Amino acid sequence: MAARPTWQGHLKLSLVTCPVALYTATTSTNDVRFHLINPDTNNRIRMVPTDPDTGPVERSDLVRGYEVSKDEYVLFDDADFDQVKLESTKTISIDRFVDEADIDRLYWADPFFVVPEKGAGVEAFAVIRDAMKKQGKVALGQLVLRGKERQLALEVRDKGLIAYTLRAHDEVRDAADYFDDIPTVKADADMVEIAARIIGQKEGDFDASQFKDRYDEALREMIKAKAKGGKGLVDIAEPDDTNVIDLMAALKNSLKGGGGDKKPAAKKAPAKKPAAKKKSAA
């Protein structure tokens, strides 16, 4: 496997334990990346750690500090962090099982592939995986990852497991703080019915391969144009706000046009009449 594991440790269900590795399930290698450039010299800017008294310093020599009062810090090096001993530092201990629908989608975060390490632990991993599949439940556990203990939700996927980090309760804002101020409006039943029919016209299966980052594609086109000396800028007109007076008409026109993003079928050319046969001279 080419990728390096993000974390290595053990997966534990009661007295059953097996060594596993976590691999990041997503990638950003295809993202457009920019560097900071000094336009006067066209030199790439390097971010050099600098001490205000002594000047540039090596990043490897730096330690982390927690500010306890103004300009007063408690210092921590790597050895200090290693002394924080929690079971979840090296073990994902499954605490309980829940239905997937019980976890609000606001809490789901980053996915990781959970893979058993080669050796005797593969059978234990298979036992845990197949038992979860049989019960149809999502497992919950904890894991120290990137300097923070996170709750995990684990589900069966093919021959392995997917572990999703879950956001903590205090990380998720209360929707009521935003939604309570939305004015109470009773939508017209006829308009709702037409809108529902438009939704029906747009029904389909989810296919992640069909999603394209058009902004990323536009950036790449601009990069090509600028590399050739052009500007590569394209103005896009913003849509007008819906005119409430014409809302019903807009809905009806959308329904007729299949939502406005389906191309009309090409009209067939009228069939040509067969040429009249010439009568042969007697």
Protein backbone atom coordinates (compact mmCIF):
# COMPACT_ATOMS: atom_id res chain seq x y z
CA MET A 1 0.00 0.00 0.00
CA ALA A 2 1.62 3.24 -1.15
CA ALA A 3 0.06 5.66 1.35
CA ARG A 4 1.54 6.09 4.79
CA PRO A 5 -0.81 5.39 7.70
CA THR A 6 -2.14 8.39 9.59
CA TRP A 7 -2.30 6.37 12.82
CA GLN A 8 -1.33 2.90 14.00
CA GLY A 9 -2.58 1.12 17.10
CA HIS A 10 -5.22 -1.38 18.17
CA LEU A 11 -8.95 -1.87 17.73
CA LYS A 12 -10.59 -3.29 20.83
CA LEU A 13 -14.05 -4.80 21.39
CA SER A 14 -14.34 -6.05 24.97
CA LEU A 15 -11.53 -8.64 25.27
CA VAL A 16 -10.95 -8.95 21.50
CA THR A 17 -8.07 -6.79 20.24
CA CYS A 18 -6.29 -6.52 16.90
CA PRO A 19 -3.62 -4.20 15.45
CA VAL A 20 -4.94 -1.76 12.84
CA ALA A 21 -3.84 1.25 10.81
CA LEU A 22 -5.83 4.31 9.75
CA TYR A 23 -5.40 5.84 6.32
CA THR A 24 -6.89 9.16 5.26
CA ALA A 25 -9.79 8.35 2.94
CA THR A 26 -9.70 11.66 1.05
CA THR A 27 -7.01 13.47 -0.93
CA SER A 28 -6.28 17.04 -1.93
CA THR A 29 -3.42 16.28 -4.30
CA ASN A 30 -5.47 17.46 -7.29
CA ASP A 31 -6.22 20.88 -5.80
CA VAL A 32 -4.86 23.98 -7.50
CA ARG A 33 -2.11 25.33 -5.23
CA PHE A 34 -0.59 28.79 -5.29
CA HIS A 35 2.63 30.23 -3.84
CA LEU A 36 3.22 33.76 -2.58
CA ILE A 37 5.32 35.70 -5.10
CA ASN A 38 6.93 39.12 -4.87
CA PRO A 39 5.62 40.77 -8.08
CA ASP A 40 8.62 43.15 -8.17
CA THR A 41 11.18 40.33 -8.38
CA ASN A 42 9.04 37.30 -9.28
CA ASN A 43 10.75 35.52 -6.38
CA ARG A 44 8.82 33.00 -4.31
CA ILE A 45 8.41 34.17 -0.72
CA ARG A 46 9.69 31.81 1.97
CA MET A 47 8.07 31.87 5.39
CA VAL A 48 11.05 31.85 7.75
CA PRO A 49 10.43 31.56 11.54
CA THR A 50 11.92 34.68 13.06
CA ASP A 51 12.70 35.63 16.65
CA PRO A 52 12.18 39.39 17.14
CA ASP A 53 15.47 39.57 19.13
CA THR A 54 17.79 37.04 17.47
CA GLY A 55 16.43 36.81 13.94
CA PRO A 56 15.72 33.65 11.85
CA VAL A 57 15.58 30.33 13.71
CA GLU A 58 15.32 26.70 12.66
CA ARG A 59 11.77 25.38 12.79
CA SER A 60 13.03 22.05 14.18
CA ASP A 61 14.42 23.88 17.24
CA LEU A 62 11.07 25.40 18.19
CA VAL A 63 8.74 24.18 20.95
CA ARG A 64 5.10 24.98 21.64
CA GLY A 65 3.91 27.27 24.37
CA TYR A 66 0.60 27.92 26.15
CA GLU A 67 0.03 31.53 27.22
CA VAL A 68 -0.98 31.57 30.90
CA SER A 69 -0.79 35.35 31.20
CA LYS A 70 0.35 38.29 29.09
CA ASP A 71 3.67 37.27 27.44
CA GLU A 72 4.12 34.38 29.90
CA TYR A 73 4.12 30.84 28.48
CA VAL A 74 4.31 27.27 29.69
CA LEU A 75 6.58 25.43 27.24
CA PHE A 76 5.99 21.94 25.80
CA ASP A 77 8.24 19.77 23.67
CA ASP A 78 7.43 16.44 22.00
CA ALA A 79 8.47 14.45 25.08
CA ASP A 80 5.92 16.34 27.19
CA PHE A 81 3.09 15.39 24.85
CA ASP A 82 4.21 11.77 24.91
CA GLN A 83 3.71 11.75 28.69
CA VAL A 84 -0.04 12.35 28.30
CA LYS A 85 -1.11 8.72 28.57
CA LEU A 86 -4.65 7.86 27.49
CA GLU A 87 -5.85 4.48 26.30
CA SER A 88 -7.18 6.19 23.18
CA THR A 89 -3.64 7.30 22.28
CA LYS A 90 -2.89 3.83 20.97
CA THR A 91 -6.25 2.02 21.14
CA ILE A 92 -9.68 2.53 19.58
CA SER A 93 -11.88 1.01 22.26
CA ILE A 94 -15.45 0.44 21.05
CA ASP A 95 -17.77 1.68 23.79
CA ARG A 96 -21.25 1.27 22.34
CA PHE A 97 -23.24 0.63 19.17
CA VAL A 98 -25.92 2.88 17.71
CA ASP A 99 -28.08 3.18 14.60
CA GLU A 100 -26.55 5.38 11.92
CA ALA A 101 -29.70 7.50 11.84
CA ASP A 102 -29.16 8.38 15.53
CA ILE A 103 -26.08 10.49 14.66
CA ASP A 104 -26.97 13.97 13.43
CA ARG A 105 -25.21 14.61 10.11
CA LEU A 106 -23.82 17.88 11.52
CA TYR A 107 -21.47 15.79 13.65
CA TRP A 108 -19.94 13.63 10.88
CA ALA A 109 -16.46 14.83 9.85
CA ASP A 110 -13.35 13.26 8.27
CA PRO A 111 -13.33 9.64 6.99
CA PHE A 112 -10.47 7.16 7.43
CA PHE A 113 -9.95 3.63 6.13
CA VAL A 114 -9.40 1.15 8.97
CA VAL A 115 -7.18 -1.73 7.82
CA PRO A 116 -5.91 -4.70 9.87
CA GLU A 117 -2.16 -5.07 10.19
CA LYS A 118 -0.84 -8.27 8.65
CA GLY A 119 -0.46 -11.19 11.03
CA ALA A 120 -2.49 -13.01 13.63
CA GLY A 121 -4.75 -9.98 14.24
CA VAL A 122 -6.50 -10.28 10.88
CA GLU A 123 -8.85 -12.98 12.19
CA ALA A 124 -9.82 -10.85 15.20
CA PHE A 125 -10.47 -7.92 12.87
CA ALA A 126 -12.72 -10.13 10.72
CA VAL A 127 -14.68 -11.23 13.80
CA ILE A 128 -15.33 -7.62 14.85
CA ARG A 129 -16.17 -6.54 11.29
CA ASP A 130 -18.58 -9.44 10.59
CA ALA A 131 -20.31 -9.06 13.96
CA MET A 132 -20.90 -5.37 13.25
CA LYS A 133 -22.24 -6.22 9.80
CA LYS A 134 -24.58 -8.84 11.26
CA GLN A 135 -25.99 -6.42 13.83
CA GLY A 136 -26.23 -3.54 11.33
CA LYS A 137 -24.91 -1.03 13.83
CA VAL A 138 -22.36 1.80 13.90
CA ALA A 139 -19.64 1.48 16.55
CA LEU A 140 -18.57 4.44 18.69
CA GLY A 141 -15.11 4.85 20.22
CA GLN A 142 -12.39 7.39 21.00
CA LEU A 143 -9.01 8.08 19.46
CA VAL A 144 -6.24 10.62 20.09
CA LEU A 145 -5.49 11.97 16.62
CA ARG A 146 -3.40 15.02 15.71
CA GLY A 147 -3.11 16.19 19.28
CA LYS A 148 -6.78 15.89 20.17
CA GLU A 149 -9.05 13.13 21.46
CA ARG A 150 -11.87 12.60 19.01
CA GLN A 151 -14.95 10.44 19.03
CA LEU A 152 -15.16 7.99 16.15
CA ALA A 153 -18.03 6.33 14.35
CA LEU A 154 -17.02 3.09 12.66
CA GLU A 155 -19.03 1.29 10.00
CA VAL A 156 -18.41 -1.75 7.81
CA ARG A 157 -17.31 -1.09 4.22
CA ASP A 158 -16.42 -4.05 1.98
CA LYS A 159 -13.64 -6.03 3.71
CA GLY A 160 -12.64 -3.17 6.01
CA LEU A 161 -14.07 -0.44 8.22
CA ILE A 162 -14.58 3.27 7.74
CA ALA A 163 -13.90 5.47 10.78
CA TYR A 164 -15.42 8.95 10.76
CA THR A 165 -14.26 11.53 13.28
CA LEU A 166 -17.26 13.11 14.99
CA ARG A 167 -17.37 16.76 15.96
CA ALA A 168 -17.75 17.45 19.67
CA HIS A 169 -21.02 18.89 20.89
CA ASP A 170 -19.43 22.27 21.67
CA GLU A 171 -18.02 22.46 18.13
CA VAL A 172 -21.48 22.45 16.54
CA ARG A 173 -23.41 25.70 16.71
CA ASP A 174 -27.05 25.71 17.70
CA ALA A 175 -29.20 25.92 14.57
CA ALA A 176 -31.87 27.80 16.52
CA ASP A 177 -29.51 30.80 16.78
CA TYR A 178 -29.81 31.14 13.00
CA PHE A 179 -33.18 29.64 12.09
CA ASP A 180 -35.37 31.18 14.79
CA ASP A 181 -35.16 34.59 13.11
CA ILE A 182 -36.48 33.28 9.79
CA PRO A 183 -39.94 34.85 9.33
CA THR A 184 -42.88 32.45 9.59
CA VAL A 185 -44.40 32.25 6.11
CA LYS A 186 -47.12 29.86 5.02
CA ALA A 187 -46.30 28.91 1.47
CA ASP A 188 -49.09 28.80 -1.10
CA ALA A 189 -50.21 25.17 -1.48
CA ASP A 190 -50.45 25.40 -5.28
CA MET A 191 -46.94 26.80 -5.52
CA VAL A 192 -45.61 24.06 -3.25
CA GLU A 193 -47.28 21.46 -5.45
CA ILE A 194 -45.66 22.87 -8.60
CA ALA A 195 -42.26 23.08 -6.87
CA ALA A 196 -42.66 19.44 -5.76
CA ARG A 197 -43.30 18.43 -9.39
CA ILE A 198 -40.15 20.30 -10.47
CA ILE A 199 -38.22 18.34 -7.82
CA GLY A 200 -39.72 15.15 -9.25
CA GLN A 201 -38.39 16.07 -12.69
CA LYS A 202 -34.90 16.38 -11.24
CA GLU A 203 -34.84 13.09 -9.32
CA GLY A 204 -31.88 10.83 -9.97
CA ASP A 205 -29.22 8.64 -8.40
CA PHE A 206 -26.23 10.10 -6.57
CA ASP A 207 -23.02 9.63 -8.53
CA ALA A 208 -19.94 11.29 -6.98
CA SER A 209 -18.00 10.86 -10.23
CA GLN A 210 -20.38 13.32 -11.90
CA PHE A 211 -19.38 16.15 -9.55
CA LYS A 212 -16.81 18.47 -11.07
CA ASP A 213 -15.25 21.43 -9.31
CA ARG A 214 -16.05 24.04 -11.93
CA TYR A 215 -14.23 26.75 -9.96
CA ASP A 216 -11.08 24.60 -9.99
CA GLU A 217 -11.52 24.00 -13.73
CA ALA A 218 -11.97 27.74 -14.34
CA LEU A 219 -8.79 28.44 -12.38
CA ARG A 220 -6.86 25.94 -14.49
CA GLU A 221 -8.16 27.57 -17.67
CA MET A 222 -7.12 30.97 -16.35
CA ILE A 223 -3.67 29.59 -15.49
CA LYS A 224 -3.30 28.34 -19.08
CA ALA A 225 -4.44 31.66 -20.49
CA LYS A 226 -2.14 33.69 -18.23
CA ALA A 227 0.78 31.40 -19.06
CA LYS A 228 0.22 32.32 -22.71
CA GLY A 229 0.06 36.03 -21.90
CA GLY A 230 -3.70 36.50 -21.76
CA LYS A 231 -6.05 37.43 -18.93
CA GLY A 232 -8.41 34.50 -19.07
CA LEU A 233 -11.16 36.36 -17.22
CA VAL A 234 -14.80 35.55 -17.86
CA ASP A 235 -17.67 37.63 -16.51
CA ILE A 236 -20.61 35.64 -15.20
CA ALA A 237 -23.95 37.35 -14.77
CA GLU A 238 -25.53 36.81 -11.34
CA PRO A 239 -29.17 35.69 -11.29
CA ASP A 240 -31.78 38.24 -10.32
CA ASP A 241 -33.62 37.81 -7.05
CA THR A 242 -36.99 36.12 -7.50
CA ASN A 243 -39.75 38.66 -7.97
CA VAL A 244 -42.40 37.62 -5.46
CA ILE A 245 -45.15 38.94 -7.71
CA ASP A 246 -44.04 36.63 -10.52
CA LEU A 247 -43.22 33.62 -8.32
CA MET A 248 -46.14 31.54 -9.62
CA ALA A 249 -45.25 32.37 -13.22
CA ALA A 250 -41.61 31.47 -12.58
CA LEU A 251 -42.64 28.13 -11.10
CA LYS A 252 -44.93 27.33 -14.00
CA ASN A 253 -42.25 28.24 -16.55
CA SER A 254 -39.73 26.10 -14.67
CA LEU A 255 -42.13 23.17 -14.75
CA LYS A 256 -42.63 23.53 -18.50
CA GLY A 257 -38.91 23.72 -19.10
CA GLY A 258 -38.05 20.78 -16.86
CA GLY A 259 -36.34 23.04 -14.34
CA GLY A 260 -34.51 25.22 -16.82
CA ASP A 261 -31.38 23.10 -17.22
CA LYS A 262 -32.56 20.44 -19.63
CA LYS A 263 -31.86 21.05 -23.27
CA PRO A 264 -34.95 20.87 -25.47
CA ALA A 265 -35.03 17.93 -27.83
CA ALA A 266 -33.79 18.77 -31.28
CA LYS A 267 -36.57 19.17 -33.79
CA LYS A 268 -36.56 16.67 -36.59
CA ALA A 269 -36.33 18.05 -40.09
CA PRO A 270 -39.54 17.52 -42.05
CA ALA A 271 -39.44 14.41 -44.19
CA LYS A 272 -38.75 15.09 -47.84
CA LYS A 273 -41.42 14.08 -50.29
CA PRO A 274 -40.23 11.45 -52.74
CA ALA A 275 -39.47 12.85 -56.16
CA ALA A 276 -42.20 12.21 -58.76
CA LYS A 277 -41.30 9.55 -61.27
CA LYS A 278 -41.01 10.68 -64.85
CA LYS A 279 -43.32 9.02 -67.26
CA SER A 280 -41.46 7.33 -70.07
CA ALA A 281 -42.32 8.52 -73.57
CA ALA A 282 -44.50 6.15 -75.51
